[in-house]
Amino acid sequence: MSDFTLQITDEEFGKGQAVRLVDVFLLGPLMTWAGLTIADAAVTQCQERAGQALAVSGIATIGFNGYNYLRLRSRTGRSI
């Protein structure tokens, strides 16, 4: 098994963490809201399913990026 460690600069780390926070606090909630709005106003079952998929994707975005932000912050001791 290879022992590979990726070295990144503070600037690169900060950009990645900032994007994660944007995903958690802006993109994820927007996707969830839009998906629920679309699903609620759907005329066809296909539109309803598309809205539900968008809402679930928004929730997954929040969870995934929030988890990774906290994991990296605790591992490195650095935030943005």
N, C-alpha and C. Protein backbone atom coordinates (compact mmCIF):
# COMPACT_ATOMS: atom_id res chain seq x y z
N MET A 1 0.83 -1.16 0.00
CA MET A 1 0.00 0.00 0.00
C MET A 1 0.89 1.24 0.00
N SER A 2 0.53 2.23 -0.77
CA SER A 2 1.31 3.45 -0.90
C SER A 2 0.97 4.44 0.22
N ASP A 3 1.99 5.11 0.74
CA ASP A 3 1.79 6.13 1.76
C ASP A 3 1.91 7.49 1.07
N PHE A 4 0.80 7.95 0.51
CA PHE A 4 0.78 9.18 -0.28
C PHE A 4 0.15 10.29 0.55
N THR A 5 0.86 11.39 0.71
CA THR A 5 0.35 12.54 1.43
C THR A 5 0.36 13.74 0.49
N LEU A 6 -0.78 14.38 0.38
CA LEU A 6 -0.90 15.55 -0.48
C LEU A 6 -0.55 16.79 0.32
N GLN A 7 0.37 17.57 -0.18
CA GLN A 7 0.77 18.81 0.48
C GLN A 7 0.11 19.97 -0.26
N ILE A 8 -0.62 20.79 0.48
CA ILE A 8 -1.25 21.96 -0.12
C ILE A 8 -0.84 23.20 0.65
N THR A 9 -0.88 24.32 -0.03
CA THR A 9 -0.53 25.58 0.62
C THR A 9 -1.71 26.08 1.45
N ASP A 10 -1.43 27.03 2.34
CA ASP A 10 -2.49 27.63 3.14
C ASP A 10 -3.55 28.28 2.26
N GLU A 11 -3.11 28.91 1.18
CA GLU A 11 -4.06 29.57 0.28
C GLU A 11 -4.98 28.56 -0.39
N GLU A 12 -4.42 27.45 -0.87
CA GLU A 12 -5.24 26.41 -1.49
C GLU A 12 -6.20 25.80 -0.48
N PHE A 13 -5.72 25.57 0.73
CA PHE A 13 -6.56 25.00 1.78
C PHE A 13 -7.72 25.94 2.08
N GLY A 14 -7.44 27.22 2.21
CA GLY A 14 -8.47 28.21 2.51
C GLY A 14 -9.53 28.30 1.44
N LYS A 15 -9.10 28.24 0.17
CA LYS A 15 -10.07 28.29 -0.94
C LYS A 15 -10.99 27.08 -0.90
N GLY A 16 -10.43 25.90 -0.67
CA GLY A 16 -11.23 24.69 -0.62
C GLY A 16 -12.23 24.72 0.53
N GLN A 17 -11.78 25.18 1.68
CA GLN A 17 -12.66 25.25 2.83
C GLN A 17 -13.74 26.32 2.63
N ALA A 18 -13.40 27.42 1.98
CA ALA A 18 -14.39 28.47 1.71
C ALA A 18 -15.48 27.94 0.79
N VAL A 19 -15.09 27.17 -0.21
CA VAL A 19 -16.07 26.59 -1.13
C VAL A 19 -16.99 25.63 -0.39
N ARG A 20 -16.43 24.86 0.53
CA ARG A 20 -17.26 23.95 1.32
C ARG A 20 -18.30 24.73 2.13
N LEU A 21 -17.88 25.83 2.73
CA LEU A 21 -18.82 26.63 3.51
C LEU A 21 -19.91 27.25 2.64
N VAL A 22 -19.56 27.69 1.44
CA VAL A 22 -20.56 28.20 0.50
C VAL A 22 -21.56 27.09 0.16
N ASP A 23 -21.05 25.89 -0.06
CA ASP A 23 -21.93 24.76 -0.35
C ASP A 23 -22.88 24.47 0.81
N VAL A 24 -22.37 24.55 2.05
CA VAL A 24 -23.17 24.23 3.23
C VAL A 24 -24.22 25.30 3.50
N PHE A 25 -23.84 26.56 3.40
CA PHE A 25 -24.74 27.63 3.82
C PHE A 25 -25.49 28.33 2.69
N LEU A 26 -25.12 28.10 1.45
CA LEU A 26 -25.81 28.77 0.34
C LEU A 26 -26.35 27.77 -0.68
N LEU A 27 -25.46 27.01 -1.30
CA LEU A 27 -25.88 26.13 -2.39
C LEU A 27 -26.81 25.02 -1.91
N GLY A 28 -26.44 24.32 -0.85
CA GLY A 28 -27.27 23.22 -0.36
C GLY A 28 -28.68 23.66 0.03
N PRO A 29 -28.81 24.70 0.86
CA PRO A 29 -30.16 25.16 1.21
C PRO A 29 -30.95 25.65 -0.01
N LEU A 30 -30.28 26.32 -0.95
CA LEU A 30 -30.97 26.78 -2.15
C LEU A 30 -31.47 25.60 -2.98
N MET A 31 -30.64 24.58 -3.13
CA MET A 31 -31.07 23.38 -3.87
C MET A 31 -32.25 22.71 -3.18
N THR A 32 -32.18 22.62 -1.86
CA THR A 32 -33.26 21.98 -1.10
C THR A 32 -34.56 22.77 -1.24
N TRP A 33 -34.48 24.07 -1.07
CA TRP A 33 -35.67 24.91 -1.20
C TRP A 33 -36.27 24.82 -2.61
N ALA A 34 -35.41 24.94 -3.62
CA ALA A 34 -35.90 24.87 -5.01
C ALA A 34 -36.53 23.51 -5.29
N GLY A 35 -35.89 22.45 -4.84
CA GLY A 35 -36.44 21.12 -5.07
C GLY A 35 -37.80 20.93 -4.42
N LEU A 36 -37.94 21.39 -3.18
CA LEU A 36 -39.23 21.27 -2.50
C LEU A 36 -40.30 22.13 -3.16
N THR A 37 -39.89 23.31 -3.62
CA THR A 37 -40.83 24.19 -4.32
C THR A 37 -41.29 23.57 -5.63
N ILE A 38 -40.36 23.01 -6.38
CA ILE A 38 -40.70 22.35 -7.65
C ILE A 38 -41.60 21.14 -7.39
N ALA A 39 -41.25 20.33 -6.40
CA ALA A 39 -42.05 19.14 -6.11
C ALA A 39 -43.46 19.51 -5.67
N ASP A 40 -43.60 20.60 -4.92
CA ASP A 40 -44.90 21.02 -4.43
C ASP A 40 -45.79 21.56 -5.56
N ALA A 41 -45.17 22.24 -6.53
CA ALA A 41 -45.93 22.84 -7.62
C ALA A 41 -45.99 21.95 -8.85
N ALA A 42 -45.51 20.73 -8.75
CA ALA A 42 -45.42 19.85 -9.92
C ALA A 42 -46.80 19.51 -10.48
N VAL A 43 -46.84 19.46 -11.80
CA VAL A 43 -48.06 19.06 -12.50
C VAL A 43 -47.99 17.58 -12.84
N THR A 44 -46.81 17.12 -13.19
CA THR A 44 -46.64 15.71 -13.56
C THR A 44 -45.80 14.99 -12.49
N GLN A 45 -45.88 13.68 -12.51
CA GLN A 45 -45.09 12.89 -11.57
C GLN A 45 -43.60 13.06 -11.85
N CYS A 46 -43.24 13.23 -13.10
CA CYS A 46 -41.83 13.42 -13.47
C CYS A 46 -41.29 14.71 -12.85
N GLN A 47 -42.05 15.78 -12.89
CA GLN A 47 -41.64 17.04 -12.27
C GLN A 47 -41.51 16.89 -10.76
N GLU A 48 -42.44 16.16 -10.17
CA GLU A 48 -42.38 15.95 -8.72
C GLU A 48 -41.13 15.17 -8.33
N ARG A 49 -40.82 14.12 -9.09
CA ARG A 49 -39.62 13.33 -8.81
C ARG A 49 -38.35 14.15 -9.02
N ALA A 50 -38.33 15.00 -10.04
CA ALA A 50 -37.16 15.85 -10.28
C ALA A 50 -36.96 16.81 -9.11
N GLY A 51 -38.04 17.39 -8.61
CA GLY A 51 -37.95 18.27 -7.46
C GLY A 51 -37.46 17.54 -6.22
N GLN A 52 -37.96 16.34 -6.01
CA GLN A 52 -37.52 15.54 -4.87
C GLN A 52 -36.04 15.20 -4.98
N ALA A 53 -35.60 14.85 -6.19
CA ALA A 53 -34.18 14.53 -6.40
C ALA A 53 -33.31 15.74 -6.13
N LEU A 54 -33.76 16.91 -6.54
CA LEU A 54 -33.00 18.14 -6.29
C LEU A 54 -32.92 18.43 -4.79
N ALA A 55 -34.03 18.23 -4.08
CA ALA A 55 -34.04 18.46 -2.63
C ALA A 55 -33.11 17.49 -1.92
N VAL A 56 -33.14 16.23 -2.31
CA VAL A 56 -32.25 15.24 -1.69
C VAL A 56 -30.79 15.57 -2.01
N SER A 57 -30.52 16.03 -3.21
CA SER A 57 -29.16 16.42 -3.58
C SER A 57 -28.68 17.61 -2.73
N GLY A 58 -29.58 18.54 -2.46
CA GLY A 58 -29.24 19.67 -1.61
C GLY A 58 -28.90 19.24 -0.20
N ILE A 59 -29.68 18.32 0.34
CA ILE A 59 -29.41 17.80 1.69
C ILE A 59 -28.09 17.04 1.70
N ALA A 60 -27.84 16.26 0.67
CA ALA A 60 -26.58 15.52 0.57
C ALA A 60 -25.39 16.48 0.45
N THR A 61 -25.56 17.57 -0.28
CA THR A 61 -24.50 18.57 -0.41
C THR A 61 -24.15 19.17 0.94
N ILE A 62 -25.17 19.51 1.72
CA ILE A 62 -24.94 20.07 3.06
C ILE A 62 -24.20 19.07 3.93
N GLY A 63 -24.68 17.84 3.94
CA GLY A 63 -24.06 16.81 4.79
C GLY A 63 -22.64 16.48 4.39
N PHE A 64 -22.42 16.27 3.11
CA PHE A 64 -21.10 15.89 2.61
C PHE A 64 -20.07 16.98 2.86
N ASN A 65 -20.40 18.21 2.47
CA ASN A 65 -19.44 19.29 2.61
C ASN A 65 -19.27 19.74 4.06
N GLY A 66 -20.32 19.68 4.83
CA GLY A 66 -20.20 19.99 6.25
C GLY A 66 -19.31 18.99 6.97
N TYR A 67 -19.51 17.72 6.68
CA TYR A 67 -18.69 16.67 7.28
C TYR A 67 -17.21 16.85 6.89
N ASN A 68 -16.94 17.07 5.62
CA ASN A 68 -15.55 17.23 5.17
C ASN A 68 -14.91 18.49 5.73
N TYR A 69 -15.66 19.57 5.84
CA TYR A 69 -15.11 20.79 6.44
C TYR A 69 -14.68 20.52 7.87
N LEU A 70 -15.56 19.92 8.66
CA LEU A 70 -15.24 19.64 10.06
C LEU A 70 -14.11 18.63 10.21
N ARG A 71 -14.10 17.63 9.35
CA ARG A 71 -13.04 16.62 9.40
C ARG A 71 -11.68 17.24 9.12
N LEU A 72 -11.59 18.05 8.08
CA LEU A 72 -10.31 18.69 7.74
C LEU A 72 -9.90 19.71 8.78
N ARG A 73 -10.87 20.43 9.31
CA ARG A 73 -10.56 21.44 10.33
C ARG A 73 -9.99 20.77 11.58
N SER A 74 -10.58 19.66 11.99
CA SER A 74 -10.08 18.99 13.20
C SER A 74 -8.75 18.30 12.95
N ARG A 75 -8.53 17.81 11.74
CA ARG A 75 -7.28 17.12 11.42
C ARG A 75 -6.12 18.10 11.33
N THR A 76 -6.36 19.25 10.75
CA THR A 76 -5.26 20.20 10.52
C THR A 76 -5.20 21.31 11.55
N GLY A 77 -6.29 21.53 12.26
CA GLY A 77 -6.33 22.64 13.21
C GLY A 77 -6.50 23.98 12.54
N ARG A 78 -6.79 23.97 11.23
CA ARG A 78 -6.96 25.22 10.48
C ARG A 78 -8.41 25.30 9.99
N SER A 79 -8.96 26.50 9.97
CA SER A 79 -10.23 26.70 9.31
C SER A 79 -9.92 27.44 8.00
N ILE A 80 -10.64 28.44 7.68
CA ILE A 80 -10.42 29.11 6.39
C ILE A 80 -9.09 29.78 6.34
